[in-house]
PDB file of N, CA and C in Angstrom:
ATOM      1  N   GLN A   1     -14.041  -7.756  -5.837  1.00  0.00           N
ATOM      2  CA  GLN A   1     -13.170  -7.632  -6.986  1.00  0.00           C
ATOM      3  C   GLN A   1     -12.322  -6.376  -6.826  1.00  0.00           C
ATOM      4  N   ALA A   2     -11.048  -6.499  -7.170  1.00  0.00           N
ATOM      5  CA  ALA A   2     -10.119  -5.376  -7.035  1.00  0.00           C
ATOM      6  C   ALA A   2     -10.371  -4.314  -8.101  1.00  0.00           C
ATOM      7  N   ASP A   3     -10.068  -3.085  -7.736  1.00  0.00           N
ATOM      8  CA  ASP A   3     -10.162  -1.964  -8.674  1.00  0.00           C
ATOM      9  C   ASP A   3      -8.982  -2.067  -9.640  1.00  0.00           C
ATOM     10  N   GLU A   4      -9.243  -2.241 -10.910  1.00  0.00           N
ATOM     11  CA  GLU A   4      -8.177  -2.419 -11.896  1.00  0.00           C
ATOM     12  C   GLU A   4      -7.292  -1.191 -12.070  1.00  0.00           C
ATOM     13  N   ARG A   5      -7.705  -0.054 -11.533  1.00  0.00           N
ATOM     14  CA  ARG A   5      -6.832   1.125 -11.568  1.00  0.00           C
ATOM     15  C   ARG A   5      -5.664   0.950 -10.605  1.00  0.00           C
ATOM     16  N   VAL A   6      -5.800   0.014  -9.640  1.00  0.00           N
ATOM     17  CA  VAL A   6      -4.785  -0.199  -8.616  1.00  0.00           C
ATOM     18  C   VAL A   6      -4.169  -1.595  -8.700  1.00  0.00           C
ATOM     19  N   PHE A   7      -4.976  -2.596  -9.005  1.00  0.00           N
ATOM     20  CA  PHE A   7      -4.522  -3.992  -9.016  1.00  0.00           C
ATOM     21  C   PHE A   7      -5.086  -4.674 -10.249  1.00  0.00           C
ATOM     22  N   ALA A   8      -4.215  -5.133 -11.139  1.00  0.00           N
ATOM     23  CA  ALA A   8      -4.671  -5.773 -12.372  1.00  0.00           C
ATOM     24  C   ALA A   8      -3.740  -6.920 -12.743  1.00  0.00           C
ATOM     25  N   ALA A   9      -4.308  -7.968 -13.303  1.00  0.00           N
ATOM     26  CA  ALA A   9      -3.532  -9.131 -13.754  1.00  0.00           C
ATOM     27  C   ALA A   9      -2.676  -9.707 -12.633  1.00  0.00           C
ATOM     28  N   GLY A  10      -3.188  -9.669 -11.391  1.00  0.00           N
ATOM     29  CA  GLY A  10      -2.475 -10.243 -10.253  1.00  0.00           C
ATOM     30  C   GLY A  10      -1.323  -9.411  -9.724  1.00  0.00           C
ATOM     31  N   ARG A  11      -1.247  -8.149 -10.111  1.00  0.00           N
ATOM     32  CA  ARG A  11      -0.126  -7.291  -9.682  1.00  0.00           C
ATOM     33  C   ARG A  11      -0.616  -5.904  -9.298  1.00  0.00           C
ATOM     34  N   TRP A  12       0.096  -5.310  -8.304  1.00  0.00           N
ATOM     35  CA  TRP A  12      -0.176  -3.917  -7.956  1.00  0.00           C
ATOM     36  C   TRP A  12       0.323  -3.051  -9.090  1.00  0.00           C
ATOM     37  N   ARG A  13      -0.399  -2.021  -9.404  1.00  0.00           N
ATOM     38  CA  ARG A  13       0.021  -1.081 -10.444  1.00  0.00           C
ATOM     39  C   ARG A  13       0.806   0.049  -9.786  1.00  0.00           C
ATOM     40  N   ALA A  14       2.099   0.130 -10.096  1.00  0.00           N
ATOM     41  CA  ALA A  14       2.962   1.149  -9.504  1.00  0.00           C
ATOM     42  C   ALA A  14       2.565   2.555  -9.932  1.00  0.00           C
ATOM     43  N   ASP A  15       1.861   2.670 -11.044  1.00  0.00           N
ATOM     44  CA  ASP A  15       1.466   3.985 -11.541  1.00  0.00           C
ATOM     45  C   ASP A  15       0.087   4.418 -11.030  1.00  0.00           C
ATOM     46  N   ALA A  16      -0.479   3.661 -10.089  1.00  0.00           N
ATOM     47  CA  ALA A  16      -1.804   4.003  -9.551  1.00  0.00           C
ATOM     48  C   ALA A  16      -1.736   5.315  -8.777  1.00  0.00           C
ATOM     49  N   PRO A  17      -2.773   6.129  -8.857  1.00  0.00           N
ATOM     50  CA  PRO A  17      -2.801   7.382  -8.095  1.00  0.00           C
ATOM     51  C   PRO A  17      -2.715   7.101  -6.588  1.00  0.00           C
ATOM     52  N   ALA A  18      -1.976   7.909  -5.863  1.00  0.00           N
ATOM     53  CA  ALA A  18      -1.772   7.708  -4.425  1.00  0.00           C
ATOM     54  C   ALA A  18      -3.084   7.610  -3.661  1.00  0.00           C
ATOM     55  N   GLU A  19      -4.081   8.391  -4.046  1.00  0.00           N
ATOM     56  CA  GLU A  19      -5.349   8.383  -3.310  1.00  0.00           C
ATOM     57  C   GLU A  19      -6.128   7.077  -3.467  1.00  0.00           C
ATOM     58  N   LEU A  20      -5.726   6.223  -4.399  1.00  0.00           N
ATOM     59  CA  LEU A  20      -6.400   4.934  -4.582  1.00  0.00           C
ATOM     60  C   LEU A  20      -5.648   3.778  -3.939  1.00  0.00           C
ATOM     61  N   ARG A  21      -4.432   4.012  -3.491  1.00  0.00           N
ATOM     62  CA  ARG A  21      -3.624   2.940  -2.901  1.00  0.00           C
ATOM     63  C   ARG A  21      -4.104   2.626  -1.492  1.00  0.00           C
ATOM     64  N   THR A  22      -4.006   1.353  -1.116  1.00  0.00           N
ATOM     65  CA  THR A  22      -4.432   0.929   0.214  1.00  0.00           C
ATOM     66  C   THR A  22      -3.233   0.833   1.149  1.00  0.00           C
ATOM     67  N   LEU A  23      -3.490   1.037   2.441  1.00  0.00           N
ATOM     68  CA  LEU A  23      -2.465   0.968   3.480  1.00  0.00           C
ATOM     69  C   LEU A  23      -2.558  -0.394   4.153  1.00  0.00           C
ATOM     70  N   HIS A  24      -1.415  -1.079   4.309  1.00  0.00           N
ATOM     71  CA  HIS A  24      -1.380  -2.412   4.907  1.00  0.00           C
ATOM     72  C   HIS A  24      -0.381  -2.439   6.056  1.00  0.00           C
ATOM     73  N   HIS A  25      -0.745  -3.083   7.174  1.00  0.00           N
ATOM     74  CA  HIS A  25       0.160  -3.240   8.314  1.00  0.00           C
ATOM     75  C   HIS A  25       0.952  -4.519   8.122  1.00  0.00           C
ATOM     76  N   GLN A  26       2.282  -4.436   8.312  1.00  0.00           N
ATOM     77  CA  GLN A  26       3.125  -5.630   8.230  1.00  0.00           C
ATOM     78  C   GLN A  26       3.360  -6.165   9.634  1.00  0.00           C
ATOM     79  N   ALA A  27       4.162  -5.481  10.440  1.00  0.00           N
ATOM     80  CA  ALA A  27       4.463  -5.874  11.816  1.00  0.00           C
ATOM     81  C   ALA A  27       5.371  -4.824  12.429  1.00  0.00           C
ATOM     82  N   GLY A  28       5.380  -4.742  13.756  1.00  0.00           N
ATOM     83  CA  GLY A  28       6.301  -3.853  14.458  1.00  0.00           C
ATOM     84  C   GLY A  28       6.218  -2.404  14.040  1.00  0.00           C
ATOM     85  N   GLY A  29       5.038  -1.932  13.727  1.00  0.00           N
ATOM     86  CA  GLY A  29       4.872  -0.535  13.339  1.00  0.00           C
ATOM     87  C   GLY A  29       5.203  -0.249  11.885  1.00  0.00           C
ATOM     88  N   ALA A  30       5.489  -1.293  11.104  1.00  0.00           N
ATOM     89  CA  ALA A  30       5.789  -1.105   9.682  1.00  0.00           C
ATOM     90  C   ALA A  30       4.511  -1.250   8.868  1.00  0.00           C
ATOM     91  N   PHE A  31       4.321  -0.335   7.962  1.00  0.00           N
ATOM     92  CA  PHE A  31       3.168  -0.342   7.072  1.00  0.00           C
ATOM     93  C   PHE A  31       3.669  -0.242   5.645  1.00  0.00           C
ATOM     94  N   PHE A  32       2.867  -0.652   4.706  1.00  0.00           N
ATOM     95  CA  PHE A  32       3.212  -0.379   3.320  1.00  0.00           C
ATOM     96  C   PHE A  32       1.980   0.051   2.556  1.00  0.00           C
ATOM     97  N   VAL A  33       2.221   0.915   1.608  1.00  0.00           N
ATOM     98  CA  VAL A  33       1.219   1.348   0.652  1.00  0.00           C
ATOM     99  C   VAL A  33       1.673   0.706  -0.651  1.00  0.00           C
ATOM    100  N   ALA A  34       0.759   0.160  -1.407  1.00  0.00           N
ATOM    101  CA  ALA A  34       1.141  -0.510  -2.647  1.00  0.00           C
ATOM    102  C   ALA A  34       2.177   0.326  -3.395  1.00  0.00           C
ATOM    103  N   GLY A  35       3.379  -0.197  -3.529  1.00  0.00           N
ATOM    104  CA  GLY A  35       4.431   0.501  -4.249  1.00  0.00           C
ATOM    105  C   GLY A  35       5.440   1.214  -3.369  1.00  0.00           C
ATOM    106  N   GLU A  36       5.169   1.366  -2.082  1.00  0.00           N
ATOM    107  CA  GLU A  36       6.127   2.034  -1.200  1.00  0.00           C
ATOM    108  C   GLU A  36       5.958   1.554   0.236  1.00  0.00           C
ATOM    109  N   THR A  37       7.026   1.659   1.038  1.00  0.00           N
ATOM    110  CA  THR A  37       6.987   1.263   2.445  1.00  0.00           C
ATOM    111  C   THR A  37       6.953   2.505   3.314  1.00  0.00           C
ATOM    112  N   VAL A  38       6.188   2.426   4.405  1.00  0.00           N
ATOM    113  CA  VAL A  38       6.055   3.534   5.350  1.00  0.00           C
ATOM    114  C   VAL A  38       6.360   2.983   6.736  1.00  0.00           C
ATOM    115  N   GLN A  39       7.262   3.624   7.500  1.00  0.00           N
ATOM    116  CA  GLN A  39       7.609   3.184   8.848  1.00  0.00           C
ATOM    117  C   GLN A  39       6.947   4.101   9.860  1.00  0.00           C
ATOM    118  N   ALA A  40       6.158   3.539  10.752  1.00  0.00           N
ATOM    119  CA  ALA A  40       5.493   4.324  11.790  1.00  0.00           C
ATOM    120  C   ALA A  40       6.476   4.643  12.913  1.00  0.00           C
ATOM    121  N   ALA A  41       6.272   5.761  13.567  1.00  0.00           N
ATOM    122  CA  ALA A  41       7.086   6.128  14.723  1.00  0.00           C
ATOM    123  C   ALA A  41       6.657   5.286  15.920  1.00  0.00           C
ATOM    124  N   ALA A  42       7.588   5.026  16.826  1.00  0.00           N
ATOM    125  CA  ALA A  42       7.270   4.270  18.041  1.00  0.00           C
ATOM    126  C   ALA A  42       6.306   5.075  18.905  1.00  0.00           C
ATOM    127  N   PRO A  43       5.375   4.400  19.587  1.00  0.00           N
ATOM    128  CA  PRO A  43       4.451   5.129  20.463  1.00  0.00           C
ATOM    129  C   PRO A  43       5.207   5.810  21.593  1.00  0.00           C
ATOM    130  N   ARG A  44       4.696   6.934  22.030  1.00  0.00           N
ATOM    131  CA  ARG A  44       5.364   7.676  23.113  1.00  0.00           C
ATOM    132  C   ARG A  44       4.673   7.440  24.418  1.00  0.00           C
TER     133      ARG A  44
END
């Protein structure tokens, strides 16, 4: 069951504290944290 502080009524809560948000990999080095997108740097 999802933590209602982060996910409630089938939706991510944009006001959730950053430390409770989960990190998800999309593809090609792109990740997202519930409510924001994060782009990874290319490997060196």
